[in-house]
Amino acid sequence: GWLMGCRRLARDYELLPETSETFIYLAMIRIMV
C-alpha cells in the first residue's frame, strides 16, 4: 500500500529507472524511521 502510494508520487520521475529506485529506497527508509 505505502509503496504504491510513493510510486504514484515518483511517477513523474520514472523517466530514469535509477531515480525511481532511489525514490522507493528513500520511501522505505521513511517507513523504518
N, C-alpha and C. Protein backbone atom coordinates (compact mmCIF):
# COMPACT_ATOMS: atom_id res chain seq x y z
N GLY A 1 0.81 -1.20 0.00
CA GLY A 1 0.00 0.00 0.00
C GLY A 1 0.85 1.26 0.00
N TRP A 2 1.70 1.38 0.99
CA TRP A 2 2.53 2.60 1.08
C TRP A 2 3.50 2.68 -0.07
N LEU A 3 3.97 1.52 -0.55
CA LEU A 3 4.94 1.51 -1.64
C LEU A 3 4.30 2.04 -2.92
N MET A 4 3.09 1.61 -3.21
CA MET A 4 2.39 2.08 -4.40
C MET A 4 2.09 3.57 -4.28
N GLY A 5 1.77 4.01 -3.08
CA GLY A 5 1.50 5.43 -2.86
C GLY A 5 2.72 6.27 -3.17
N CYS A 6 3.88 5.78 -2.77
CA CYS A 6 5.12 6.51 -3.03
C CYS A 6 5.44 6.48 -4.52
N ARG A 7 5.15 5.36 -5.17
CA ARG A 7 5.42 5.26 -6.60
C ARG A 7 4.55 6.25 -7.37
N ARG A 8 3.35 6.52 -6.87
CA ARG A 8 2.48 7.49 -7.53
C ARG A 8 3.15 8.86 -7.52
N LEU A 9 3.80 9.18 -6.41
CA LEU A 9 4.48 10.47 -6.29
C LEU A 9 5.71 10.49 -7.20
N ALA A 10 6.29 9.31 -7.44
CA ALA A 10 7.52 9.23 -8.23
C ALA A 10 7.22 9.05 -9.72
N ARG A 11 5.93 8.99 -10.07
CA ARG A 11 5.54 8.74 -11.46
C ARG A 11 6.22 9.70 -12.42
N ASP A 12 6.32 10.97 -12.04
CA ASP A 12 6.94 11.96 -12.92
C ASP A 12 8.44 11.75 -13.06
N TYR A 13 9.01 10.97 -12.14
CA TYR A 13 10.46 10.77 -12.16
C TYR A 13 10.84 9.41 -12.73
N GLU A 14 9.84 8.65 -13.17
CA GLU A 14 10.11 7.30 -13.67
C GLU A 14 10.81 7.31 -15.03
N LEU A 15 11.09 8.50 -15.56
CA LEU A 15 11.82 8.57 -16.82
C LEU A 15 13.21 7.98 -16.63
N LEU A 16 13.72 8.07 -15.40
CA LEU A 16 15.03 7.50 -15.10
C LEU A 16 14.85 6.38 -14.08
N PRO A 17 15.07 5.12 -14.48
CA PRO A 17 14.91 3.97 -13.58
C PRO A 17 15.67 4.15 -12.28
N GLU A 18 16.87 4.71 -12.33
CA GLU A 18 17.67 4.89 -11.13
C GLU A 18 16.97 5.83 -10.16
N THR A 19 16.36 6.87 -10.70
CA THR A 19 15.66 7.83 -9.85
C THR A 19 14.47 7.17 -9.17
N SER A 20 13.76 6.31 -9.93
CA SER A 20 12.60 5.63 -9.38
C SER A 20 13.03 4.71 -8.24
N GLU A 21 14.12 3.96 -8.44
CA GLU A 21 14.61 3.06 -7.40
C GLU A 21 15.04 3.84 -6.18
N THR A 22 15.71 4.98 -6.39
CA THR A 22 16.17 5.80 -5.27
C THR A 22 14.98 6.32 -4.49
N PHE A 23 13.94 6.75 -5.20
CA PHE A 23 12.75 7.29 -4.53
C PHE A 23 12.12 6.24 -3.64
N ILE A 24 12.01 5.00 -4.15
CA ILE A 24 11.43 3.90 -3.37
C ILE A 24 12.32 3.60 -2.17
N TYR A 25 13.64 3.62 -2.39
CA TYR A 25 14.59 3.35 -1.32
C TYR A 25 14.42 4.36 -0.19
N LEU A 26 14.29 5.63 -0.55
CA LEU A 26 14.10 6.68 0.45
C LEU A 26 12.77 6.50 1.15
N ALA A 27 11.76 6.07 0.41
CA ALA A 27 10.44 5.86 0.99
C ALA A 27 10.50 4.74 2.03
N MET A 28 11.27 3.70 1.74
CA MET A 28 11.42 2.58 2.68
C MET A 28 12.07 3.06 3.96
N ILE A 29 13.07 3.94 3.82
CA ILE A 29 13.77 4.47 5.00
C ILE A 29 12.79 5.27 5.86
N ARG A 30 11.92 6.05 5.21
CA ARG A 30 10.95 6.86 5.96
C ARG A 30 10.05 5.97 6.80
N ILE A 31 9.67 4.81 6.25
CA ILE A 31 8.78 3.89 6.97
C ILE A 31 9.52 3.30 8.17
N MET A 32 10.80 3.00 8.00
CA MET A 32 11.58 2.36 9.06
C MET A 32 11.91 3.33 10.19
N VAL A 33 12.06 4.61 9.87
CA VAL A 33 12.44 5.59 10.89
C VAL A 33 11.28 5.88 11.83
